[in-house]
């Protein structure tokens, strides 16, 4: 699929573990993701939750913004999913 409409993905168990640690401790993280327009975005936010719906995982940021994990490239320099 194109960069604008990437294939849906799920977070690996190991990545879920370290993300849940961020959520539990309310630690701020640098999140690099691709906006639907194709632009790279960098935000510094607290991670609030991980949601799973119909085989698709989402990352909820502290501001309430919900990102499909296929759009998230890195969290604090760590790859969330393998492309």
PDB file of N, CA and C in Angstrom:
ATOM      1  N   UNK A   1       0.836  -1.175   0.000  1.00  0.00           N
ATOM      2  CA  UNK A   1       0.000   0.000   0.000  1.00  0.00           C
ATOM      3  C   UNK A   1       0.883   1.241   0.000  1.00  0.00           C
ATOM      4  N   UNK A   2       0.293   2.360  -0.339  1.00  0.00           N
ATOM      5  CA  UNK A   2       1.047   3.603  -0.423  1.00  0.00           C
ATOM      6  C   UNK A   2       1.334   4.169   0.964  1.00  0.00           C
ATOM      7  N   UNK A   3       2.200   5.168   0.994  1.00  0.00           N
ATOM      8  CA  UNK A   3       2.506   5.823   2.270  1.00  0.00           C
ATOM      9  C   UNK A   3       1.281   6.551   2.811  1.00  0.00           C
ATOM     10  N   UNK A   4       0.381   6.964   1.920  1.00  0.00           N
ATOM     11  CA  UNK A   4      -0.817   7.674   2.355  1.00  0.00           C
ATOM     12  C   UNK A   4      -1.795   6.707   3.019  1.00  0.00           C
ATOM     13  N   UNK A   5      -1.900   5.491   2.494  1.00  0.00           N
ATOM     14  CA  UNK A   5      -2.803   4.483   3.049  1.00  0.00           C
ATOM     15  C   UNK A   5      -2.029   3.208   3.370  1.00  0.00           C
ATOM     16  N   UNK A   6      -1.192   3.241   4.407  1.00  0.00           N
ATOM     17  CA  UNK A   6      -0.399   2.055   4.728  1.00  0.00           C
ATOM     18  C   UNK A   6      -1.267   0.903   5.216  1.00  0.00           C
ATOM     19  N   UNK A   7      -0.722  -0.303   5.087  1.00  0.00           N
ATOM     20  CA  UNK A   7      -1.414  -1.508   5.543  1.00  0.00           C
ATOM     21  C   UNK A   7      -1.583  -1.477   7.060  1.00  0.00           C
ATOM     22  N   UNK A   8      -2.739  -1.922   7.532  1.00  0.00           N
ATOM     23  CA  UNK A   8      -2.990  -1.981   8.978  1.00  0.00           C
ATOM     24  C   UNK A   8      -2.011  -2.934   9.646  1.00  0.00           C
ATOM     25  N   UNK A   9      -1.602  -2.580  10.866  1.00  0.00           N
ATOM     26  CA  UNK A   9      -0.642  -3.399  11.594  1.00  0.00           C
ATOM     27  C   UNK A   9      -1.039  -3.522  13.053  1.00  0.00           C
ATOM     28  N   UNK A  10      -0.388  -4.469  13.718  1.00  0.00           N
ATOM     29  CA  UNK A  10      -0.564  -4.630  15.159  1.00  0.00           C
ATOM     30  C   UNK A  10       0.798  -4.476  15.825  1.00  0.00           C
ATOM     31  N   UNK A  11       0.779  -4.145  17.094  1.00  0.00           N
ATOM     32  CA  UNK A  11       2.008  -3.962  17.865  1.00  0.00           C
ATOM     33  C   UNK A  11       2.469  -5.314  18.386  1.00  0.00           C
ATOM     34  N   UNK A  12       3.761  -5.599  18.259  1.00  0.00           N
ATOM     35  CA  UNK A  12       4.305  -6.854  18.775  1.00  0.00           C
ATOM     36  C   UNK A  12       4.177  -6.890  20.296  1.00  0.00           C
ATOM     37  N   UNK A  13       4.214  -8.080  20.844  1.00  0.00           N
ATOM     38  CA  UNK A  13       4.113  -8.237  22.311  1.00  0.00           C
ATOM     39  C   UNK A  13       5.247  -7.516  23.023  1.00  0.00           C
ATOM     40  N   UNK A  14       6.454  -7.598  22.478  1.00  0.00           N
ATOM     41  CA  UNK A  14       7.588  -6.939  23.136  1.00  0.00           C
ATOM     42  C   UNK A  14       7.431  -5.420  23.112  1.00  0.00           C
ATOM     43  N   UNK A  15       6.956  -4.871  21.999  1.00  0.00           N
ATOM     44  CA  UNK A  15       6.736  -3.423  21.928  1.00  0.00           C
ATOM     45  C   UNK A  15       5.598  -3.014  22.857  1.00  0.00           C
ATOM     46  N   UNK A  16       4.563  -3.848  22.961  1.00  0.00           N
ATOM     47  CA  UNK A  16       3.464  -3.535  23.879  1.00  0.00           C
ATOM     48  C   UNK A  16       3.974  -3.415  25.310  1.00  0.00           C
ATOM     49  N   UNK A  17       4.925  -4.270  25.674  1.00  0.00           N
ATOM     50  CA  UNK A  17       5.471  -4.232  27.035  1.00  0.00           C
ATOM     51  C   UNK A  17       6.115  -2.888  27.342  1.00  0.00           C
ATOM     52  N   UNK A  18       7.004  -2.412  26.442  1.00  0.00           N
ATOM     53  CA  UNK A  18       7.669  -1.147  26.749  1.00  0.00           C
ATOM     54  C   UNK A  18       6.731   0.044  26.590  1.00  0.00           C
ATOM     55  N   UNK A  19       5.742  -0.041  25.706  1.00  0.00           N
ATOM     56  CA  UNK A  19       4.760   1.042  25.593  1.00  0.00           C
ATOM     57  C   UNK A  19       3.911   1.104  26.860  1.00  0.00           C
ATOM     58  N   UNK A  20       3.510  -0.050  27.373  1.00  0.00           N
ATOM     59  CA  UNK A  20       2.704  -0.066  28.602  1.00  0.00           C
ATOM     60  C   UNK A  20       3.487   0.516  29.790  1.00  0.00           C
ATOM     61  N   UNK A  21       4.802   0.376  29.779  1.00  0.00           N
ATOM     62  CA  UNK A  21       5.627   0.997  30.822  1.00  0.00           C
ATOM     63  C   UNK A  21       5.561   2.526  30.710  1.00  0.00           C
ATOM     64  N   UNK A  22       5.602   3.044  29.479  1.00  0.00           N
ATOM     65  CA  UNK A  22       5.432   4.490  29.275  1.00  0.00           C
ATOM     66  C   UNK A  22       4.066   4.936  29.799  1.00  0.00           C
ATOM     67  N   UNK A  23       3.026   4.161  29.486  1.00  0.00           N
ATOM     68  CA  UNK A  23       1.664   4.496  29.910  1.00  0.00           C
ATOM     69  C   UNK A  23       1.567   4.488  31.436  1.00  0.00           C
ATOM     70  N   UNK A  24       2.108   3.443  32.051  1.00  0.00           N
ATOM     71  CA  UNK A  24       2.026   3.293  33.506  1.00  0.00           C
ATOM     72  C   UNK A  24       2.731   4.437  34.239  1.00  0.00           C
ATOM     73  N   UNK A  25       3.894   4.836  33.732  1.00  0.00           N
ATOM     74  CA  UNK A  25       4.691   5.869  34.402  1.00  0.00           C
ATOM     75  C   UNK A  25       4.357   7.287  33.933  1.00  0.00           C
ATOM     76  N   UNK A  26       3.490   7.396  32.930  1.00  0.00           N
ATOM     77  CA  UNK A  26       3.106   8.693  32.356  1.00  0.00           C
ATOM     78  C   UNK A  26       4.321   9.482  31.884  1.00  0.00           C
ATOM     79  N   UNK A  27       5.296   8.754  31.357  1.00  0.00           N
ATOM     80  CA  UNK A  27       6.522   9.368  30.856  1.00  0.00           C
ATOM     81  C   UNK A  27       6.280   9.986  29.480  1.00  0.00           C
ATOM     82  N   UNK A  28       6.765  11.189  29.268  1.00  0.00           N
ATOM     83  CA  UNK A  28       6.641  11.865  27.980  1.00  0.00           C
ATOM     84  C   UNK A  28       7.580  11.193  26.975  1.00  0.00           C
ATOM     85  N   UNK A  29       7.108  11.059  25.736  1.00  0.00           N
ATOM     86  CA  UNK A  29       7.900  10.402  24.703  1.00  0.00           C
ATOM     87  C   UNK A  29       7.899  11.236  23.425  1.00  0.00           C
ATOM     88  N   UNK A  30       8.966  11.096  22.656  1.00  0.00           N
ATOM     89  CA  UNK A  30       8.997  11.687  21.321  1.00  0.00           C
ATOM     90  C   UNK A  30       8.375  10.675  20.365  1.00  0.00           C
ATOM     91  N   UNK A  31       7.292  11.060  19.717  1.00  0.00           N
ATOM     92  CA  UNK A  31       6.583  10.180  18.789  1.00  0.00           C
ATOM     93  C   UNK A  31       6.738  10.754  17.385  1.00  0.00           C
ATOM     94  N   UNK A  32       7.283   9.945  16.479  1.00  0.00           N
ATOM     95  CA  UNK A  32       7.419  10.342  15.078  1.00  0.00           C
ATOM     96  C   UNK A  32       6.423   9.513  14.287  1.00  0.00           C
ATOM     97  N   UNK A  33       5.549  10.201  13.567  1.00  0.00           N
ATOM     98  CA  UNK A  33       4.530   9.491  12.790  1.00  0.00           C
ATOM     99  C   UNK A  33       4.290  10.188  11.460  1.00  0.00           C
ATOM    100  N   UNK A  34       3.652   9.464  10.550  1.00  0.00           N
ATOM    101  CA  UNK A  34       3.326  10.010   9.243  1.00  0.00           C
ATOM    102  C   UNK A  34       1.861  10.439   9.252  1.00  0.00           C
ATOM    103  N   UNK A  35       1.639  11.723   9.018  1.00  0.00           N
ATOM    104  CA  UNK A  35       0.288  12.285   8.930  1.00  0.00           C
ATOM    105  C   UNK A  35      -0.385  11.723   7.669  1.00  0.00           C
ATOM    106  N   UNK A  36      -1.715  11.596   7.654  1.00  0.00           N
ATOM    107  CA  UNK A  36      -2.399  11.088   6.451  1.00  0.00           C
ATOM    108  C   UNK A  36      -2.039  11.843   5.170  1.00  0.00           C
ATOM    109  N   UNK A  37      -1.614  13.102   5.282  1.00  0.00           N
ATOM    110  CA  UNK A  37      -1.200  13.876   4.104  1.00  0.00           C
ATOM    111  C   UNK A  37       0.174  13.446   3.600  1.00  0.00           C
ATOM    112  N   UNK A  38       0.880  12.616   4.380  1.00  0.00           N
ATOM    113  CA  UNK A  38       2.213  12.156   4.008  1.00  0.00           C
ATOM    114  C   UNK A  38       3.327  12.880   4.741  1.00  0.00           C
ATOM    115  N   UNK A  39       3.011  13.970   5.414  1.00  0.00           N
ATOM    116  CA  UNK A  39       4.002  14.753   6.138  1.00  0.00           C
ATOM    117  C   UNK A  39       4.450  14.034   7.406  1.00  0.00           C
ATOM    118  N   UNK A  40       5.752  14.105   7.683  1.00  0.00           N
ATOM    119  CA  UNK A  40       6.297  13.541   8.920  1.00  0.00           C
ATOM    120  C   UNK A  40       5.999  14.498  10.066  1.00  0.00           C
ATOM    121  N   UNK A  41       5.521  13.954  11.175  1.00  0.00           N
ATOM    122  CA  UNK A  41       5.177  14.754  12.344  1.00  0.00           C
ATOM    123  C   UNK A  41       5.995  14.265  13.540  1.00  0.00           C
ATOM    124  N   UNK A  42       6.443  15.198  14.361  1.00  0.00           N
ATOM    125  CA  UNK A  42       7.152  14.869  15.601  1.00  0.00           C
ATOM    126  C   UNK A  42       6.425  15.573  16.736  1.00  0.00           C
ATOM    127  N   UNK A  43       5.997  14.795  17.723  1.00  0.00           N
ATOM    128  CA  UNK A  43       5.328  15.363  18.896  1.00  0.00           C
ATOM    129  C   UNK A  43       5.987  14.800  20.151  1.00  0.00           C
ATOM    130  N   UNK A  44       5.898  15.538  21.218  1.00  0.00           N
ATOM    131  CA  UNK A  44       6.395  15.098  22.524  1.00  0.00           C
ATOM    132  C   UNK A  44       5.191  15.040  23.446  1.00  0.00           C
ATOM    133  N   UNK A  45       4.737  13.829  23.719  1.00  0.00           N
ATOM    134  CA  UNK A  45       3.509  13.656  24.488  1.00  0.00           C
ATOM    135  C   UNK A  45       3.590  12.435  25.391  1.00  0.00           C
ATOM    136  N   UNK A  46       2.688  12.409  26.363  1.00  0.00           N
ATOM    137  CA  UNK A  46       2.498  11.240  27.211  1.00  0.00           C
ATOM    138  C   UNK A  46       1.676  10.234  26.418  1.00  0.00           C
ATOM    139  N   UNK A  47       2.033   8.953  26.513  1.00  0.00           N
ATOM    140  CA  UNK A  47       1.237   7.902  25.877  1.00  0.00           C
ATOM    141  C   UNK A  47       0.128   7.526  26.845  1.00  0.00           C
ATOM    142  N   UNK A  48      -1.098   7.489  26.348  1.00  0.00           N
ATOM    143  CA  UNK A  48      -2.252   7.274  27.223  1.00  0.00           C
ATOM    144  C   UNK A  48      -2.773   5.838  27.195  1.00  0.00           C
ATOM    145  N   UNK A  49      -2.804   5.199  26.009  1.00  0.00           N
ATOM    146  CA  UNK A  49      -3.398   3.859  25.922  1.00  0.00           C
ATOM    147  C   UNK A  49      -3.055   3.207  24.592  1.00  0.00           C
ATOM    148  N   UNK A  50      -3.264   1.886  24.547  1.00  0.00           N
ATOM    149  CA  UNK A  50      -3.206   1.106  23.310  1.00  0.00           C
ATOM    150  C   UNK A  50      -4.593   0.516  23.120  1.00  0.00           C
ATOM    151  N   UNK A  51      -5.153   0.703  21.934  1.00  0.00           N
ATOM    152  CA  UNK A  51      -6.462   0.137  21.617  1.00  0.00           C
ATOM    153  C   UNK A  51      -6.321  -0.869  20.487  1.00  0.00           C
ATOM    154  N   UNK A  52      -7.129  -1.915  20.517  1.00  0.00           N
ATOM    155  CA  UNK A  52      -7.166  -2.902  19.434  1.00  0.00           C
ATOM    156  C   UNK A  52      -8.606  -3.046  18.980  1.00  0.00           C
ATOM    157  N   UNK A  53      -8.819  -2.894  17.674  1.00  0.00           N
ATOM    158  CA  UNK A  53     -10.147  -3.048  17.096  1.00  0.00           C
ATOM    159  C   UNK A  53     -10.024  -3.771  15.762  1.00  0.00           C
ATOM    160  N   UNK A  54     -10.704  -4.888  15.638  1.00  0.00           N
ATOM    161  CA  UNK A  54     -10.773  -5.632  14.371  1.00  0.00           C
ATOM    162  C   UNK A  54      -9.393  -5.884  13.763  1.00  0.00           C
ATOM    163  N   UNK A  55      -8.457  -6.339  14.597  1.00  0.00           N
ATOM    164  CA  UNK A  55      -7.119  -6.663  14.104  1.00  0.00           C
ATOM    165  C   UNK A  55      -6.259  -5.459  13.779  1.00  0.00           C
ATOM    166  N   UNK A  56      -6.594  -4.315  14.301  1.00  0.00           N
ATOM    167  CA  UNK A  56      -5.858  -3.084  14.037  1.00  0.00           C
ATOM    168  C   UNK A  56      -5.562  -2.424  15.380  1.00  0.00           C
ATOM    169  N   UNK A  57      -4.297  -2.064  15.614  1.00  0.00           N
ATOM    170  CA  UNK A  57      -3.912  -1.423  16.871  1.00  0.00           C
ATOM    171  C   UNK A  57      -3.780   0.084  16.689  1.00  0.00           C
ATOM    172  N   UNK A  58      -4.108   0.798  17.750  1.00  0.00           N
ATOM    173  CA  UNK A  58      -4.050   2.255  17.772  1.00  0.00           C
ATOM    174  C   UNK A  58      -3.326   2.702  19.026  1.00  0.00           C
ATOM    175  N   UNK A  59      -2.597   3.794  18.920  1.00  0.00           N
ATOM    176  CA  UNK A  59      -1.915   4.405  20.052  1.00  0.00           C
ATOM    177  C   UNK A  59      -2.656   5.693  20.390  1.00  0.00           C
ATOM    178  N   UNK A  60      -3.056   5.831  21.649  1.00  0.00           N
ATOM    179  CA  UNK A  60      -3.763   7.031  22.100  1.00  0.00           C
ATOM    180  C   UNK A  60      -2.768   7.916  22.848  1.00  0.00           C
ATOM    181  N   UNK A  61      -2.629   9.148  22.378  1.00  0.00           N
ATOM    182  CA  UNK A  61      -1.725  10.093  23.015  1.00  0.00           C
ATOM    183  C   UNK A  61      -2.448  10.832  24.135  1.00  0.00           C
ATOM    184  N   UNK A  62      -1.696  11.463  24.999  1.00  0.00           N
ATOM    185  CA  UNK A  62      -2.264  12.164  26.140  1.00  0.00           C
ATOM    186  C   UNK A  62      -3.244  13.257  25.770  1.00  0.00           C
ATOM    187  N   UNK A  63      -3.096  13.838  24.589  1.00  0.00           N
ATOM    188  CA  UNK A  63      -4.007  14.890  24.135  1.00  0.00           C
ATOM    189  C   UNK A  63      -5.316  14.323  23.603  1.00  0.00           C
ATOM    190  N   UNK A  64      -5.390  12.984  23.504  1.00  0.00           N
ATOM    191  CA  UNK A  64      -6.587  12.345  22.962  1.00  0.00           C
ATOM    192  C   UNK A  64      -6.460  11.964  21.501  1.00  0.00           C
ATOM    193  N   UNK A  65      -5.392  12.391  20.844  1.00  0.00           N
ATOM    194  CA  UNK A  65      -5.175  12.030  19.437  1.00  0.00           C
ATOM    195  C   UNK A  65      -4.964  10.525  19.347  1.00  0.00           C
ATOM    196  N   UNK A  66      -5.632   9.887  18.375  1.00  0.00           N
ATOM    197  CA  UNK A  66      -5.537   8.443  18.176  1.00  0.00           C
ATOM    198  C   UNK A  66      -4.818   8.197  16.854  1.00  0.00           C
ATOM    199  N   UNK A  67      -3.725   7.410  16.913  1.00  0.00           N
ATOM    200  CA  UNK A  67      -2.929   7.104  15.728  1.00  0.00           C
ATOM    201  C   UNK A  67      -2.980   5.615  15.438  1.00  0.00           C
ATOM    202  N   UNK A  68      -3.265   5.241  14.203  1.00  0.00           N
ATOM    203  CA  UNK A  68      -3.090   3.853  13.791  1.00  0.00           C
ATOM    204  C   UNK A  68      -1.604   3.539  13.856  1.00  0.00           C
ATOM    205  N   UNK A  69      -1.240   2.390  14.395  1.00  0.00           N
ATOM    206  CA  UNK A  69       0.191   2.106  14.606  1.00  0.00           C
ATOM    207  C   UNK A  69       0.972   2.024  13.306  1.00  0.00           C
ATOM    208  N   UNK A  70       0.296   1.776  12.182  1.00  0.00           N
ATOM    209  CA  UNK A  70       1.008   1.744  10.909  1.00  0.00           C
ATOM    210  C   UNK A  70       1.558   3.121  10.545  1.00  0.00           C
ATOM    211  N   UNK A  71       1.045   4.165  11.162  1.00  0.00           N
ATOM    212  CA  UNK A  71       1.520   5.529  10.912  1.00  0.00           C
ATOM    213  C   UNK A  71       2.663   5.924  11.856  1.00  0.00           C
ATOM    214  N   UNK A  72       2.803   5.213  12.977  1.00  0.00           N
ATOM    215  CA  UNK A  72       3.832   5.547  13.967  1.00  0.00           C
ATOM    216  C   UNK A  72       5.146   4.905  13.539  1.00  0.00           C
ATOM    217  N   UNK A  73       6.148   5.730  13.318  1.00  0.00           N
ATOM    218  CA  UNK A  73       7.449   5.231  12.876  1.00  0.00           C
ATOM    219  C   UNK A  73       8.358   4.921  14.056  1.00  0.00           C
ATOM    220  N   UNK A  74       8.411   5.842  15.024  1.00  0.00           N
ATOM    221  CA  UNK A  74       9.300   5.648  16.171  1.00  0.00           C
ATOM    222  C   UNK A  74       8.734   6.297  17.421  1.00  0.00           C
ATOM    223  N   UNK A  75       9.090   5.705  18.551  1.00  0.00           N
ATOM    224  CA  UNK A  75       8.809   6.294  19.858  1.00  0.00           C
ATOM    225  C   UNK A  75      10.140   6.330  20.602  1.00  0.00           C
ATOM    226  N   UNK A  76      10.604   7.530  20.906  1.00  0.00           N
ATOM    227  CA  UNK A  76      11.909   7.714  21.561  1.00  0.00           C
ATOM    228  C   UNK A  76      13.017   6.927  20.857  1.00  0.00           C
ATOM    229  N   UNK A  77      13.028   6.973  19.536  1.00  0.00           N
ATOM    230  CA  UNK A  77      14.079   6.336  18.747  1.00  0.00           C
ATOM    231  C   UNK A  77      13.917   4.845  18.538  1.00  0.00           C
ATOM    232  N   UNK A  78      12.850   4.260  19.048  1.00  0.00           N
ATOM    233  CA  UNK A  78      12.611   2.820  18.889  1.00  0.00           C
ATOM    234  C   UNK A  78      11.505   2.604  17.866  1.00  0.00           C
ATOM    235  N   UNK A  79      11.736   1.682  16.937  1.00  0.00           N
ATOM    236  CA  UNK A  79      10.721   1.366  15.937  1.00  0.00           C
ATOM    237  C   UNK A  79       9.554   0.652  16.595  1.00  0.00           C
ATOM    238  N   UNK A  80       8.354   1.088  16.256  1.00  0.00           N
ATOM    239  CA  UNK A  80       7.161   0.469  16.819  1.00  0.00           C
ATOM    240  C   UNK A  80       6.801  -0.791  16.046  1.00  0.00           C
ATOM    241  N   UNK A  81       6.836  -0.707  14.730  1.00  0.00           N
ATOM    242  CA  UNK A  81       6.528  -1.864  13.884  1.00  0.00           C
ATOM    243  C   UNK A  81       7.597  -1.952  12.810  1.00  0.00           C
ATOM    244  N   UNK A  82       7.784  -3.115  12.283  1.00  0.00           N
ATOM    245  CA  UNK A  82       8.720  -3.303  11.174  1.00  0.00           C
ATOM    246  C   UNK A  82       7.959  -3.109   9.877  1.00  0.00           C
ATOM    247  N   UNK A  83       8.516  -2.278   8.995  1.00  0.00           N
ATOM    248  CA  UNK A  83       7.848  -2.003   7.711  1.00  0.00           C
ATOM    249  C   UNK A  83       8.105  -3.112   6.724  1.00  0.00           C
TER     250      UNK A  83
END
